[in-house]
Amino acid sequence: MAVLAPPVAAIRLAVRHALTGLAGDGPVLVACSGGADSLALAAATAFVAPRLGRPAGLVTVDHGLQEGSADRAAEVVAWAADVGLTPVESVRVKPAGRPGGPEAAAREARYEALVAAAGRHRAAAVLTGHTRDDQAETVLLALARGAGPRGLAGMPDRRELAGVPLLRPLLAVTREQTRAACAALGLKPWQDPHNVDPAYARARVRAEVLPALVRALGPGVLDGLARTARLVAADTAALDDLADAALAAARHPDGGLAVPELAALAPAVRGRVLHAWARELGAPPGALSHRHVAALEALVVEWHGQGAAHLPGGFRVLRRADRLLAADPG
């Protein structure tokens, strides 16, 4: 009997853990670029899912940003069909013209395509190949931006995206393991040139910052960063639960929020309440920043008759006596 390579076993175990207990009987779809991480994930899912009685398929997103991207997508589709994944499809997207930088635009287009594919195939979940190394990079980038706890919590292993469960089974698996798994299975991953392009912040972190940290602090620094994300995520979830209850308690029948209720809250909870309320009003989450929440908080704890706090999307919030009220956009 052939001995199963440890990296292959580790990835299959991670996929089994992610799929066990998943609701619904639809297929799971692996988002696969053809790189080592997503290719190893797709191979493991093709093995594990049928043994759990779960159909498994694959979607590869062609961003059209590099010469030969359509050929790469066709190769991924052909490989997926050969290993028994179904349904399988390639989706072409156009990131150009979207707000934000090229990385953000490509990511937004990619996730829209994955959600749409999940709807077409009535998928129970979409799986992505983010690894422990990706998590460490995410934490460092969030730290550099001055992100709060939500940013430092990194990527969750599960979240809902437009009603579709998005699973990241490999957050405890290293990039080295996915490459080793591909080698053990005879798979030839595609090397995305964007991953080594210094024009992208994540590529610079990957090529320069993380290796420097490992040299200075030892290889355990990557586990430490990933563990920090897990710990902060747990604390953030607890604070979010408190904020949900506090928001409900602060609501006024006229649709505003009661200032005395808000003023009595701990700052960490009050900030979350105001952030959640701003989203309810229609402020785009991606544009809603710390300074917007700080302006709302000033209406509560630093009130001296100032004017409205302005939110993204043209929304305004005013204080009237002991309430915060939303004004018409403008």
Protein backbone atom coordinates (compact mmCIF):
# COMPACT_ATOMS: atom_id res chain seq x y z
CA MET A 1 0.00 0.00 0.00
CA ALA A 2 1.36 3.40 -1.00
CA VAL A 3 2.02 5.78 1.86
CA LEU A 4 0.00 8.98 1.61
CA ALA A 5 2.22 12.06 1.60
CA PRO A 6 1.70 14.02 4.84
CA PRO A 7 0.86 17.33 3.06
CA VAL A 8 -1.84 15.56 1.01
CA ALA A 9 -3.24 13.99 4.17
CA ALA A 10 -3.23 17.33 6.01
CA ILE A 11 -5.15 19.09 3.24
CA ARG A 12 -7.68 16.29 2.88
CA LEU A 13 -8.26 16.37 6.63
CA ALA A 14 -8.78 20.14 6.54
CA VAL A 15 -11.33 19.78 3.73
CA ARG A 16 -13.15 16.97 5.55
CA HIS A 17 -13.39 19.14 8.65
CA ALA A 18 -14.80 22.07 6.62
CA LEU A 19 -17.42 19.97 4.82
CA THR A 20 -18.61 17.86 7.73
CA GLY A 21 -22.00 19.10 8.87
CA LEU A 22 -22.42 21.51 5.95
CA ALA A 23 -26.11 22.22 5.42
CA GLY A 24 -27.93 21.50 2.18
CA ASP A 25 -27.37 18.83 -0.43
CA GLY A 26 -26.06 20.99 -3.25
CA PRO A 27 -22.51 20.76 -4.58
CA VAL A 28 -19.56 22.59 -3.15
CA LEU A 29 -17.61 24.68 -5.64
CA VAL A 30 -13.86 25.15 -5.40
CA ALA A 31 -12.59 28.52 -6.58
CA CYS A 32 -9.44 27.48 -8.44
CA SER A 33 -6.96 29.73 -10.23
CA GLY A 34 -4.62 26.87 -11.04
CA GLY A 35 -2.07 28.02 -8.46
CA ALA A 36 -0.65 25.60 -5.91
CA ASP A 37 -3.01 26.55 -3.07
CA SER A 38 -6.29 26.28 -4.96
CA LEU A 39 -5.11 23.32 -7.05
CA ALA A 40 -4.22 21.33 -3.91
CA LEU A 41 -7.59 22.31 -2.42
CA ALA A 42 -9.46 21.20 -5.56
CA ALA A 43 -7.64 17.85 -5.64
CA ALA A 44 -8.43 17.24 -1.96
CA THR A 45 -12.08 18.22 -2.44
CA ALA A 46 -12.41 15.89 -5.42
CA PHE A 47 -11.25 13.07 -3.14
CA VAL A 48 -13.07 13.98 0.09
CA ALA A 49 -16.45 15.35 -0.99
CA PRO A 50 -17.78 12.19 -2.72
CA ARG A 51 -16.82 10.14 0.33
CA LEU A 52 -19.05 12.44 2.38
CA GLY A 53 -21.88 12.05 -0.13
CA ARG A 54 -21.37 15.58 -1.40
CA PRO A 55 -21.03 16.58 -5.09
CA ALA A 56 -18.08 18.85 -5.80
CA GLY A 57 -17.40 21.17 -8.69
CA LEU A 58 -14.97 23.92 -9.68
CA VAL A 59 -15.08 27.49 -10.93
CA THR A 60 -12.06 29.26 -12.35
CA VAL A 61 -12.25 33.01 -12.83
CA ASP A 62 -10.41 34.54 -15.78
CA HIS A 63 -9.68 38.19 -15.04
CA GLY A 64 -8.24 38.73 -18.50
CA LEU A 65 -5.30 40.62 -17.02
CA GLN A 66 -2.50 38.51 -18.52
CA GLU A 67 -1.72 37.12 -21.92
CA GLY A 68 -2.79 33.49 -22.12
CA SER A 69 -5.26 33.72 -19.22
CA ALA A 70 -8.01 32.08 -21.28
CA ASP A 71 -5.70 29.13 -22.07
CA ARG A 72 -4.85 28.78 -18.38
CA ALA A 73 -8.56 28.75 -17.50
CA ALA A 74 -9.25 26.11 -20.15
CA GLU A 75 -6.48 23.91 -18.74
CA VAL A 76 -7.93 24.16 -15.23
CA VAL A 77 -11.39 23.25 -16.52
CA ALA A 78 -10.04 20.25 -18.43
CA TRP A 79 -8.09 19.00 -15.42
CA ALA A 80 -11.11 19.39 -13.15
CA ALA A 81 -13.30 17.36 -15.48
CA ASP A 82 -10.62 14.65 -15.65
CA VAL A 83 -10.57 14.23 -11.85
CA GLY A 84 -14.35 13.99 -11.66
CA LEU A 85 -15.32 17.45 -10.47
CA THR A 86 -18.73 18.56 -11.71
CA PRO A 87 -20.10 21.11 -12.44
CA VAL A 88 -17.03 22.83 -13.85
CA GLU A 89 -16.90 26.20 -15.53
CA SER A 90 -14.68 29.13 -16.43
CA VAL A 91 -16.01 32.65 -15.95
CA ARG A 92 -14.52 35.74 -17.60
CA VAL A 93 -14.75 38.99 -15.64
CA LYS A 94 -13.75 42.61 -16.31
CA PRO A 95 -12.21 44.28 -13.24
CA ALA A 96 -11.43 47.51 -15.11
CA GLY A 97 -13.52 50.53 -14.15
CA ARG A 98 -14.33 49.36 -10.64
CA PRO A 99 -13.49 51.56 -7.64
CA GLY A 100 -10.31 50.96 -5.66
CA GLY A 101 -6.93 49.71 -6.82
CA PRO A 102 -6.40 46.83 -9.25
CA GLU A 103 -6.19 44.24 -6.47
CA ALA A 104 -9.47 45.36 -4.91
CA ALA A 105 -11.20 45.57 -8.29
CA ALA A 106 -10.08 42.07 -9.28
CA ARG A 107 -11.13 40.68 -5.90
CA GLU A 108 -14.58 42.28 -6.11
CA ALA A 109 -15.13 40.97 -9.65
CA ARG A 110 -13.92 37.51 -8.66
CA TYR A 111 -16.24 37.17 -5.67
CA GLU A 112 -19.22 38.45 -7.68
CA ALA A 113 -18.51 35.75 -10.24
CA LEU A 114 -18.21 33.06 -7.56
CA VAL A 115 -21.50 34.07 -5.93
CA ALA A 116 -23.22 34.05 -9.31
CA ALA A 117 -21.82 30.59 -10.08
CA ALA A 118 -23.00 29.33 -6.70
CA GLY A 119 -26.49 30.58 -7.54
CA ARG A 120 -26.51 28.93 -10.97
CA HIS A 121 -25.50 25.56 -9.52
CA ARG A 122 -27.40 25.88 -6.22
CA ALA A 123 -24.13 25.29 -4.41
CA ALA A 124 -24.03 24.66 -0.68
CA ALA A 125 -20.76 26.58 -0.37
CA VAL A 126 -17.77 28.00 -2.21
CA LEU A 127 -14.28 26.95 -1.07
CA THR A 128 -11.19 29.12 -1.51
CA GLY A 129 -7.54 28.16 -1.10
CA HIS A 130 -6.32 30.85 1.32
CA THR A 131 -3.54 29.45 3.52
CA ARG A 132 -1.90 30.30 6.82
CA ASP A 133 0.65 32.37 4.86
CA ASP A 134 -2.14 34.40 3.25
CA GLN A 135 -3.57 34.98 6.71
CA ALA A 136 -0.22 36.23 8.02
CA GLU A 137 0.08 38.61 5.06
CA THR A 138 -3.45 39.89 5.68
CA VAL A 139 -2.70 40.63 9.34
CA LEU A 140 0.49 42.52 8.46
CA LEU A 141 -1.25 44.59 5.79
CA ALA A 142 -4.07 45.42 8.20
CA LEU A 143 -1.55 46.44 10.85
CA ALA A 144 0.25 48.70 8.37
CA ARG A 145 -3.05 50.40 7.44
CA GLY A 146 -3.85 51.06 11.09
CA ALA A 147 -6.86 48.77 10.92
CA GLY A 148 -8.87 48.05 14.04
CA PRO A 149 -9.63 44.63 15.50
CA ARG A 150 -11.84 43.65 12.58
CA GLY A 151 -8.92 44.07 10.20
CA LEU A 152 -6.46 42.32 12.51
CA ALA A 153 -8.89 39.40 12.79
CA GLY A 154 -7.86 38.55 9.25
CA MET A 155 -9.92 36.20 7.11
CA PRO A 156 -12.56 34.06 8.82
CA ASP A 157 -12.65 30.37 8.01
CA ARG A 158 -16.34 30.83 7.17
CA ARG A 159 -18.52 33.79 6.25
CA GLU A 160 -21.68 34.49 4.30
CA LEU A 161 -21.27 36.31 0.99
CA ALA A 162 -24.60 37.41 -0.50
CA GLY A 163 -26.19 34.43 1.19
CA VAL A 164 -23.55 31.95 0.00
CA PRO A 165 -21.31 30.27 2.61
CA LEU A 166 -17.67 31.00 1.79
CA LEU A 167 -15.31 28.45 3.34
CA ARG A 168 -11.54 28.70 3.73
CA PRO A 169 -10.46 25.20 4.81
CA LEU A 170 -6.71 25.81 4.51
CA LEU A 171 -6.12 28.66 6.97
CA ALA A 172 -4.11 26.30 9.18
CA VAL A 173 -2.21 24.84 6.19
CA THR A 174 1.02 26.38 4.96
CA ARG A 175 1.86 27.44 1.42
CA GLU A 176 4.79 25.03 1.59
CA GLN A 177 2.36 22.19 2.27
CA THR A 178 0.17 23.03 -0.72
CA ARG A 179 3.21 23.07 -2.99
CA ALA A 180 4.42 19.78 -1.55
CA ALA A 181 0.96 18.26 -2.00
CA CYS A 182 0.90 19.28 -5.66
CA ALA A 183 4.35 17.74 -6.16
CA ALA A 184 3.26 14.51 -4.45
CA LEU A 185 0.16 14.29 -6.68
CA GLY A 186 2.03 15.12 -9.87
CA LEU A 187 0.18 18.41 -10.36
CA LYS A 188 1.81 21.38 -12.08
CA PRO A 189 0.55 24.64 -10.58
CA TRP A 190 0.33 27.87 -12.53
CA GLN A 191 2.58 30.66 -11.28
CA ASP A 192 0.60 33.90 -11.16
CA PRO A 193 3.00 36.73 -12.12
CA HIS A 194 1.01 39.13 -9.94
CA ASN A 195 2.20 37.19 -6.90
CA VAL A 196 5.75 38.41 -7.50
CA ASP A 197 4.98 41.82 -9.00
CA PRO A 198 6.37 44.48 -6.61
CA ALA A 199 3.69 46.89 -7.80
CA TYR A 200 1.30 45.05 -5.46
CA ALA A 201 1.56 45.54 -1.70
CA ARG A 202 0.76 41.90 -0.93
CA ALA A 203 3.49 40.73 -3.29
CA ARG A 204 6.03 42.96 -1.52
CA VAL A 205 4.95 41.61 1.86
CA ARG A 206 5.28 38.06 0.54
CA ALA A 207 8.68 38.56 -1.07
CA GLU A 208 10.35 40.93 1.40
CA VAL A 209 8.56 41.51 4.69
CA LEU A 210 7.63 37.98 5.75
CA PRO A 211 11.05 36.52 4.89
CA ALA A 212 12.68 39.33 6.89
CA LEU A 213 10.44 38.59 9.87
CA VAL A 214 11.23 34.89 9.66
CA ARG A 215 14.96 35.63 9.56
CA ALA A 216 14.70 37.99 12.54
CA LEU A 217 12.17 36.13 14.70
CA GLY A 218 12.16 32.55 13.44
CA PRO A 219 9.61 30.53 11.45
CA GLY A 220 7.13 30.59 14.32
CA VAL A 221 6.27 34.19 13.48
CA LEU A 222 3.84 33.02 10.78
CA ASP A 223 1.97 30.81 13.21
CA GLY A 224 1.99 33.70 15.67
CA LEU A 225 0.39 36.07 13.20
CA ALA A 226 -2.26 33.53 12.24
CA ARG A 227 -2.95 32.78 15.90
CA THR A 228 -3.30 36.51 16.58
CA ALA A 229 -5.97 36.65 13.88
CA ARG A 230 -7.90 33.78 15.48
CA LEU A 231 -7.74 35.32 18.95
CA VAL A 232 -8.75 38.79 17.76
CA ALA A 233 -11.57 37.26 15.69
CA ALA A 234 -12.99 35.57 18.79
CA ASP A 235 -12.86 38.82 20.77
CA THR A 236 -14.39 40.74 17.86
CA ALA A 237 -17.27 38.28 17.61
CA ALA A 238 -18.01 38.72 21.33
CA LEU A 239 -17.96 42.52 21.03
CA ASP A 240 -20.19 42.33 17.96
CA ASP A 241 -22.76 40.35 19.96
CA LEU A 242 -22.70 43.02 22.67
CA ALA A 243 -23.06 45.72 20.02
CA ASP A 244 -26.08 44.00 18.45
CA ALA A 245 -27.86 44.01 21.80
CA ALA A 246 -26.82 47.61 22.50
CA LEU A 247 -28.07 48.80 19.10
CA ALA A 248 -31.46 47.21 19.75
CA ALA A 249 -31.64 48.89 23.18
CA ALA A 250 -30.68 52.32 21.77
CA ARG A 251 -33.30 52.41 19.01
CA HIS A 252 -35.93 55.13 19.26
CA PRO A 253 -39.43 54.76 17.76
CA ASP A 254 -38.67 57.61 15.33
CA GLY A 255 -35.82 55.58 13.79
CA GLY A 256 -33.02 57.42 15.55
CA LEU A 257 -30.77 56.35 18.40
CA ALA A 258 -31.06 57.47 22.03
CA VAL A 259 -27.98 59.44 23.03
CA PRO A 260 -28.12 58.51 26.77
CA GLU A 261 -28.06 54.81 25.83
CA LEU A 262 -25.10 55.37 23.53
CA ALA A 263 -23.18 57.51 26.01
CA ALA A 264 -23.38 54.78 28.64
CA LEU A 265 -21.66 52.23 26.42
CA ALA A 266 -17.98 51.30 26.50
CA PRO A 267 -16.19 52.98 23.58
CA ALA A 268 -15.42 49.66 21.87
CA VAL A 269 -19.10 48.73 21.88
CA ARG A 270 -20.37 52.23 21.02
CA GLY A 271 -18.12 52.41 17.95
CA ARG A 272 -19.52 49.12 16.68
CA VAL A 273 -23.09 50.27 17.29
CA LEU A 274 -22.53 53.47 15.31
CA HIS A 275 -20.73 51.60 12.53
CA ALA A 276 -23.60 49.10 12.22
CA TRP A 277 -26.21 51.89 12.25
CA ALA A 278 -24.35 53.82 9.55
CA ARG A 279 -24.45 50.70 7.36
CA GLU A 280 -28.18 50.40 8.00
CA LEU A 281 -28.64 53.97 6.82
CA GLY A 282 -27.04 53.03 3.52
CA ALA A 283 -23.40 54.07 3.91
CA PRO A 284 -21.29 51.73 1.72
CA PRO A 285 -19.30 49.43 4.06
CA GLY A 286 -16.16 49.63 1.94
CA ALA A 287 -16.07 53.41 2.17
CA LEU A 288 -17.08 53.68 5.83
CA SER A 289 -13.92 54.48 7.79
CA HIS A 290 -12.79 55.24 11.32
CA ARG A 291 -13.12 59.00 10.76
CA HIS A 292 -16.81 58.65 9.87
CA VAL A 293 -17.53 56.65 13.02
CA ALA A 294 -15.48 59.17 15.06
CA ALA A 295 -17.67 61.99 13.71
CA LEU A 296 -20.78 60.11 14.83
CA GLU A 297 -19.23 59.44 18.22
CA ALA A 298 -18.48 63.15 18.63
CA LEU A 299 -22.20 63.83 18.37
CA VAL A 300 -22.63 61.60 21.43
CA VAL A 301 -19.69 62.33 23.73
CA GLU A 302 -18.33 65.68 22.47
CA TRP A 303 -21.55 67.51 21.72
CA HIS A 304 -21.26 71.29 21.49
CA GLY A 305 -23.94 72.08 18.94
CA GLN A 306 -21.93 71.09 15.86
CA GLY A 307 -23.51 70.33 12.52
CA ALA A 308 -24.20 67.05 10.86
CA ALA A 309 -21.77 64.17 10.56
CA HIS A 310 -21.35 63.26 6.90
CA LEU A 311 -21.22 59.63 5.83
CA PRO A 312 -20.21 57.99 2.54
CA GLY A 313 -23.01 57.91 0.02
CA GLY A 314 -24.18 61.42 0.86
CA PHE A 315 -25.87 60.43 4.12
CA ARG A 316 -25.94 62.80 7.10
CA VAL A 317 -26.60 62.30 10.80
CA LEU A 318 -27.79 65.13 13.08
CA ARG A 319 -28.21 65.38 16.82
CA ARG A 320 -31.57 66.70 17.98
CA ALA A 321 -31.89 66.94 21.80
CA ASP A 322 -31.17 63.46 23.09
CA ARG A 323 -31.33 61.58 19.79
CA LEU A 324 -29.21 60.94 16.69
CA LEU A 325 -31.34 61.24 13.56
CA ALA A 326 -30.63 60.49 9.93
CA ALA A 327 -31.17 63.40 7.55
CA ASP A 328 -31.99 63.11 3.87
CA PRO A 329 -28.90 62.58 1.70
CA GLY A 330 -27.46 65.79 0.38
